[in-house]
PDB file of all heavy atoms in Angstrom:
ATOM      1  N   ILE A   1     109.853 100.132 115.481  1.00  0.00           N
ATOM      2  CA  ILE A   1     109.523  99.010 114.607  1.00  0.00           C
ATOM      3  C   ILE A   1     110.650  97.988 114.649  1.00  0.00           C
ATOM      4  O   ILE A   1     111.815  98.318 114.466  1.00  0.00           O
ATOM      5  CB  ILE A   1     109.289  99.475 113.154  1.00  0.00           C
ATOM      6  CG1 ILE A   1     108.101 100.429 113.096  1.00  0.00           C
ATOM      7  CG2 ILE A   1     109.046  98.261 112.244  1.00  0.00           C
ATOM      8  CD1 ILE A   1     107.887 101.058 111.725  1.00  0.00           C
ATOM      9  N   GLU A   2     110.281  96.732 114.906  1.00  0.00           N
ATOM     10  CA  GLU A   2     111.281  95.661 114.955  1.00  0.00           C
ATOM     11  C   GLU A   2     111.260  94.797 113.706  1.00  0.00           C
ATOM     12  O   GLU A   2     112.298  94.461 113.156  1.00  0.00           O
ATOM     13  CB  GLU A   2     111.067  94.777 116.186  1.00  0.00           C
ATOM     14  CG  GLU A   2     112.142  93.731 116.312  1.00  0.00           C
ATOM     15  CD  GLU A   2     112.180  93.114 117.684  1.00  0.00           C
ATOM     16  OE1 GLU A   2     111.598  93.687 118.625  1.00  0.00           O
ATOM     17  OE2 GLU A   2     112.810  92.072 117.824  1.00  0.00           O
ATOM     18  N   ILE A   3     110.055  94.418 113.249  1.00  0.00           N
ATOM     19  CA  ILE A   3     109.936  93.474 112.139  1.00  0.00           C
ATOM     20  C   ILE A   3     108.787  93.912 111.229  1.00  0.00           C
ATOM     21  O   ILE A   3     107.755  94.388 111.694  1.00  0.00           O
ATOM     22  CB  ILE A   3     109.629  92.044 112.644  1.00  0.00           C
ATOM     23  CG1 ILE A   3     110.729  91.545 113.573  1.00  0.00           C
ATOM     24  CG2 ILE A   3     109.444  91.068 111.483  1.00  0.00           C
ATOM     25  CD1 ILE A   3     110.366  90.269 114.306  1.00  0.00           C
ATOM     26  N   ILE A   4     108.982  93.670 109.929  1.00  0.00           N
ATOM     27  CA  ILE A   4     107.905  93.846 108.948  1.00  0.00           C
ATOM     28  C   ILE A   4     107.628  92.453 108.383  1.00  0.00           C
ATOM     29  O   ILE A   4     108.526  91.788 107.872  1.00  0.00           O
ATOM     30  CB  ILE A   4     108.325  94.781 107.795  1.00  0.00           C
ATOM     31  CG1 ILE A   4     108.876  96.098 108.307  1.00  0.00           C
ATOM     32  CG2 ILE A   4     107.148  94.987 106.841  1.00  0.00           C
ATOM     33  CD1 ILE A   4     107.901  96.957 109.039  1.00  0.00           C
ATOM     34  N   ASN A   5     106.377  91.998 108.487  1.00  0.00           N
ATOM     35  CA  ASN A   5     105.981  90.676 107.983  1.00  0.00           C
ATOM     36  C   ASN A   5     104.975  90.822 106.849  1.00  0.00           C
ATOM     37  O   ASN A   5     104.298  91.841 106.732  1.00  0.00           O
ATOM     38  CB  ASN A   5     105.333  89.847 109.095  1.00  0.00           C
ATOM     39  CG  ASN A   5     106.333  89.390 110.126  1.00  0.00           C
ATOM     40  OD1 ASN A   5     107.462  89.062 109.811  1.00  0.00           O
ATOM     41  ND2 ASN A   5     105.908  89.383 111.380  1.00  0.00           N
ATOM     42  N   ILE A   6     104.855  89.750 106.077  1.00  0.00           N
ATOM     43  CA  ILE A   6     103.877  89.696 104.985  1.00  0.00           C
ATOM     44  C   ILE A   6     103.063  88.423 105.146  1.00  0.00           C
ATOM     45  O   ILE A   6     103.215  87.459 104.395  1.00  0.00           O
ATOM     46  CB  ILE A   6     104.575  89.705 103.618  1.00  0.00           C
ATOM     47  CG1 ILE A   6     105.664  90.763 103.585  1.00  0.00           C
ATOM     48  CG2 ILE A   6     103.564  89.959 102.496  1.00  0.00           C
ATOM     49  CD1 ILE A   6     106.683  90.541 102.522  1.00  0.00           C
ATOM     50  N   PRO A   7     102.177  88.373 106.144  1.00  0.00           N
ATOM     51  CA  PRO A   7     101.445  87.121 106.403  1.00  0.00           C
ATOM     52  C   PRO A   7     100.515  86.713 105.272  1.00  0.00           C
ATOM     53  O   PRO A   7     100.286  85.521 105.082  1.00  0.00           O
ATOM     54  CB  PRO A   7     100.672  87.420 107.688  1.00  0.00           C
ATOM     55  CG  PRO A   7     100.608  88.899 107.780  1.00  0.00           C
ATOM     56  CD  PRO A   7     101.826  89.424 107.087  1.00  0.00           C
ATOM     57  N   GLU A   8      99.994  87.663 104.509  1.00  0.00           N
ATOM     58  CA  GLU A   8      99.079  87.304 103.419  1.00  0.00           C
ATOM     59  C   GLU A   8      99.766  86.404 102.400  1.00  0.00           C
ATOM     60  O   GLU A   8      99.158  85.497 101.854  1.00  0.00           O
ATOM     61  CB  GLU A   8      98.551  88.556 102.718  1.00  0.00           C
ATOM     62  CG  GLU A   8      97.574  89.342 103.544  1.00  0.00           C
ATOM     63  CD  GLU A   8      97.021  90.541 102.794  1.00  0.00           C
ATOM     64  OE1 GLU A   8      97.460  90.821 101.668  1.00  0.00           O
ATOM     65  OE2 GLU A   8      96.128  91.199 103.347  1.00  0.00           O
ATOM     66  N   VAL A   9     101.033  86.677 102.129  1.00  0.00           N
ATOM     67  CA  VAL A   9     101.760  85.895 101.134  1.00  0.00           C
ATOM     68  C   VAL A   9     102.360  84.636 101.765  1.00  0.00           C
ATOM     69  O   VAL A   9     102.169  83.531 101.276  1.00  0.00           O
ATOM     70  CB  VAL A   9     102.872  86.748 100.476  1.00  0.00           C
ATOM     71  CG1 VAL A   9     103.738  85.903  99.549  1.00  0.00           C
ATOM     72  CG2 VAL A   9     102.257  87.914  99.706  1.00  0.00           C
ATOM     73  N   PHE A  10     103.076  84.806 102.877  1.00  0.00           N
ATOM     74  CA  PHE A  10     103.828  83.687 103.432  1.00  0.00           C
ATOM     75  C   PHE A  10     103.003  82.761 104.324  1.00  0.00           C
ATOM     76  O   PHE A  10     103.235  81.558 104.338  1.00  0.00           O
ATOM     77  CB  PHE A  10     105.053  84.195 104.188  1.00  0.00           C
ATOM     78  CG  PHE A  10     106.026  84.898 103.281  1.00  0.00           C
ATOM     79  CD1 PHE A  10     106.310  86.234 103.457  1.00  0.00           C
ATOM     80  CD2 PHE A  10     106.634  84.230 102.242  1.00  0.00           C
ATOM     81  CE1 PHE A  10     107.201  86.887 102.611  1.00  0.00           C
ATOM     82  CE2 PHE A  10     107.525  84.864 101.391  1.00  0.00           C
ATOM     83  CZ  PHE A  10     107.806  86.194 101.579  1.00  0.00           C
ATOM     84  N   ASP A  11     102.050  83.292 105.068  1.00  0.00           N
ATOM     85  CA  ASP A  11     101.252  82.446 105.962  1.00  0.00           C
ATOM     86  C   ASP A  11      99.933  82.004 105.336  1.00  0.00           C
ATOM     87  O   ASP A  11      99.493  80.878 105.529  1.00  0.00           O
ATOM     88  CB  ASP A  11     100.957  83.178 107.274  1.00  0.00           C
ATOM     89  CG  ASP A  11     102.223  83.491 108.059  1.00  0.00           C
ATOM     90  OD1 ASP A  11     103.254  82.828 107.811  1.00  0.00           O
ATOM     91  OD2 ASP A  11     102.185  84.396 108.905  1.00  0.00           O
ATOM     92  N   GLU A  12      99.304  82.894 104.605  1.00  0.00           N
ATOM     93  CA  GLU A  12      97.983  82.596 104.045  1.00  0.00           C
ATOM     94  C   GLU A  12      98.052  82.059 102.628  1.00  0.00           C
ATOM     95  O   GLU A  12      97.048  81.612 102.088  1.00  0.00           O
ATOM     96  CB  GLU A  12      97.118  83.858 104.085  1.00  0.00           C
ATOM     97  CG  GLU A  12      96.887  84.385 105.488  1.00  0.00           C
ATOM     98  CD  GLU A  12      96.217  85.748 105.506  1.00  0.00           C
ATOM     99  OE1 GLU A  12      95.574  86.123 104.503  1.00  0.00           O
ATOM    100  OE2 GLU A  12      96.340  86.453 106.529  1.00  0.00           O
ATOM    101  N   GLY A  13      99.225  82.141 102.002  1.00  0.00           N
ATOM    102  CA  GLY A  13      99.386  81.596 100.656  1.00  0.00           C
ATOM    103  C   GLY A  13      98.741  82.399  99.549  1.00  0.00           C
ATOM    104  O   GLY A  13      98.524  81.881  98.459  1.00  0.00           O
ATOM    105  N   ARG A  14      98.449  83.653  99.802  1.00  0.00           N
ATOM    106  CA  ARG A  14      97.871  84.477  98.735  1.00  0.00           C
ATOM    107  C   ARG A  14      98.929  84.787  97.681  1.00  0.00           C
ATOM    108  O   ARG A  14     100.118  84.811  97.967  1.00  0.00           O
ATOM    109  CB  ARG A  14      97.336  85.794  99.293  1.00  0.00           C
ATOM    110  CG  ARG A  14      96.137  85.630 100.167  1.00  0.00           C
ATOM    111  CD  ARG A  14      95.560  86.971 100.500  1.00  0.00           C
ATOM    112  NE  ARG A  14      94.514  86.873 101.491  1.00  0.00           N
ATOM    113  CZ  ARG A  14      93.853  87.910 101.939  1.00  0.00           C
ATOM    114  NH1 ARG A  14      94.123  89.123 101.519  1.00  0.00           N
ATOM    115  NH2 ARG A  14      92.912  87.748 102.830  1.00  0.00           N
ATOM    116  N   ARG A  15      98.460  85.061  96.488  1.00  0.00           N
ATOM    117  CA  ARG A  15      99.375  85.466  95.421  1.00  0.00           C
ATOM    118  C   ARG A  15      99.819  86.902  95.670  1.00  0.00           C
ATOM    119  O   ARG A  15      99.154  87.672  96.361  1.00  0.00           O
ATOM    120  CB  ARG A  15      98.683  85.377  94.072  1.00  0.00           C
ATOM    121  CG  ARG A  15      98.317  83.956  93.679  1.00  0.00           C
ATOM    122  CD  ARG A  15      97.683  83.945  92.341  1.00  0.00           C
ATOM    123  NE  ARG A  15      96.601  84.949  92.346  1.00  0.00           N
ATOM    124  CZ  ARG A  15      95.522  84.904  91.619  1.00  0.00           C
ATOM    125  NH1 ARG A  15      95.342  83.929  90.788  1.00  0.00           N
ATOM    126  NH2 ARG A  15      94.600  85.837  91.690  1.00  0.00           N
ATOM    127  N   ASN A  16     100.940  87.263  95.082  1.00  0.00           N
ATOM    128  CA  ASN A  16     101.471  88.608  95.242  1.00  0.00           C
ATOM    129  C   ASN A  16     100.447  89.679  94.879  1.00  0.00           C
ATOM    130  O   ASN A  16     100.353  90.707  95.528  1.00  0.00           O
ATOM    131  CB  ASN A  16     102.723  88.802  94.386  1.00  0.00           C
ATOM    132  CG  ASN A  16     103.895  88.025  94.927  1.00  0.00           C
ATOM    133  OD1 ASN A  16     103.900  87.604  96.075  1.00  0.00           O
ATOM    134  ND2 ASN A  16     104.894  87.823  94.099  1.00  0.00           N
ATOM    135  N   SER A  17      99.678  89.427  93.839  1.00  0.00           N
ATOM    136  CA  SER A  17      98.704  90.426  93.375  1.00  0.00           C
ATOM    137  C   SER A  17      97.525  90.590  94.337  1.00  0.00           C
ATOM    138  O   SER A  17      96.785  91.560  94.243  1.00  0.00           O
ATOM    139  CB  SER A  17      98.178  90.057  91.988  1.00  0.00           C
ATOM    140  OG  SER A  17      97.507  88.817  92.032  1.00  0.00           O
ATOM    141  N   GLU A  18      97.348  89.653  95.260  1.00  0.00           N
ATOM    142  CA  GLU A  18      96.243  89.727  96.215  1.00  0.00           C
ATOM    143  C   GLU A  18      96.631  90.406  97.527  1.00  0.00           C
ATOM    144  O   GLU A  18      95.770  90.733  98.333  1.00  0.00           O
ATOM    145  CB  GLU A  18      95.730  88.325  96.538  1.00  0.00           C
ATOM    146  CG  GLU A  18      95.167  87.604  95.340  1.00  0.00           C
ATOM    147  CD  GLU A  18      94.815  86.160  95.662  1.00  0.00           C
ATOM    148  OE1 GLU A  18      95.558  85.494  96.399  1.00  0.00           O
ATOM    149  OE2 GLU A  18      93.776  85.714  95.142  1.00  0.00           O
ATOM    150  N   CYS A  19      97.907  90.604  97.740  1.00  0.00           N
ATOM    151  CA  CYS A  19      98.389  91.152  99.012  1.00  0.00           C
ATOM    152  C   CYS A  19      98.131  92.654  99.071  1.00  0.00           C
ATOM    153  O   CYS A  19      98.504  93.402  98.176  1.00  0.00           O
ATOM    154  CB  CYS A  19      99.878  90.873  99.151  1.00  0.00           C
ATOM    155  SG  CYS A  19     100.576  91.455 100.699  1.00  0.00           S
ATOM    156  N   ASP A  20      97.477  93.086 100.147  1.00  0.00           N
ATOM    157  CA  ASP A  20      97.222  94.517 100.300  1.00  0.00           C
ATOM    158  C   ASP A  20      97.460  94.998 101.733  1.00  0.00           C
ATOM    159  O   ASP A  20      96.846  95.963 102.181  1.00  0.00           O
ATOM    160  CB  ASP A  20      95.822  94.888  99.822  1.00  0.00           C
ATOM    161  CG  ASP A  20      94.718  94.239 100.633  1.00  0.00           C
ATOM    162  OD1 ASP A  20      95.020  93.448 101.538  1.00  0.00           O
ATOM    163  OD2 ASP A  20      93.541  94.544 100.362  1.00  0.00           O
ATOM    164  N   SER A  21      98.376  94.323 102.433  1.00  0.00           N
ATOM    165  CA  SER A  21      98.727  94.786 103.774  1.00  0.00           C
ATOM    166  C   SER A  21     100.072  94.206 104.208  1.00  0.00           C
ATOM    167  O   SER A  21     100.538  93.207 103.666  1.00  0.00           O
ATOM    168  CB  SER A  21      97.650  94.413 104.789  1.00  0.00           C
ATOM    169  OG  SER A  21      97.599  93.023 104.979  1.00  0.00           O
ATOM    170  N   LEU A  22     100.666  94.873 105.168  1.00  0.00           N
ATOM    171  CA  LEU A  22     101.882  94.403 105.827  1.00  0.00           C
ATOM    172  C   LEU A  22     101.610  94.370 107.317  1.00  0.00           C
ATOM    173  O   LEU A  22     100.806  95.145 107.829  1.00  0.00           O
ATOM    174  CB  LEU A  22     103.061  95.344 105.572  1.00  0.00           C
ATOM    175  CG  LEU A  22     103.559  95.500 104.145  1.00  0.00           C
ATOM    176  CD1 LEU A  22     104.660  96.547 104.092  1.00  0.00           C
ATOM    177  CD2 LEU A  22     104.049  94.179 103.600  1.00  0.00           C
ATOM    178  N   GLU A  23     102.306  93.492 108.008  1.00  0.00           N
ATOM    179  CA  GLU A  23     102.204  93.402 109.454  1.00  0.00           C
ATOM    180  C   GLU A  23     103.448  94.066 110.055  1.00  0.00           C
ATOM    181  O   GLU A  23     104.566  93.713 109.705  1.00  0.00           O
ATOM    182  CB  GLU A  23     102.135  91.940 109.862  1.00  0.00           C
ATOM    183  CG  GLU A  23     101.997  91.704 111.333  1.00  0.00           C
ATOM    184  CD  GLU A  23     101.958  90.227 111.645  1.00  0.00           C
ATOM    185  OE1 GLU A  23     103.042  89.611 111.696  1.00  0.00           O
ATOM    186  OE2 GLU A  23     100.850  89.687 111.806  1.00  0.00           O
ATOM    187  N   ILE A  24     103.214  95.012 110.938  1.00  0.00           N
ATOM    188  CA  ILE A  24     104.306  95.720 111.594  1.00  0.00           C
ATOM    189  C   ILE A  24     104.356  95.273 113.041  1.00  0.00           C
ATOM    190  O   ILE A  24     103.364  95.364 113.761  1.00  0.00           O
ATOM    191  CB  ILE A  24     104.101  97.237 111.503  1.00  0.00           C
ATOM    192  CG1 ILE A  24     104.103  97.640 110.036  1.00  0.00           C
ATOM    193  CG2 ILE A  24     105.170  97.979 112.295  1.00  0.00           C
ATOM    194  CD1 ILE A  24     103.738  99.063 109.783  1.00  0.00           C
ATOM    195  N   VAL A  25     105.514  94.766 113.452  1.00  0.00           N
ATOM    196  CA  VAL A  25     105.694  94.315 114.819  1.00  0.00           C
ATOM    197  C   VAL A  25     106.618  95.302 115.520  1.00  0.00           C
ATOM    198  O   VAL A  25     107.747  95.535 115.074  1.00  0.00           O
ATOM    199  CB  VAL A  25     106.303  92.894 114.876  1.00  0.00           C
ATOM    200  CG1 VAL A  25     106.456  92.435 116.319  1.00  0.00           C
ATOM    201  CG2 VAL A  25     105.454  91.918 114.071  1.00  0.00           C
TER     202      VAL A  25
END
């Protein structure tokens, strides 16, 4: 694993309470 991203929050603009996944690179 190199990077853990949170595209739902940072790229898609969802609120914290809507986030239900992480992106693993």
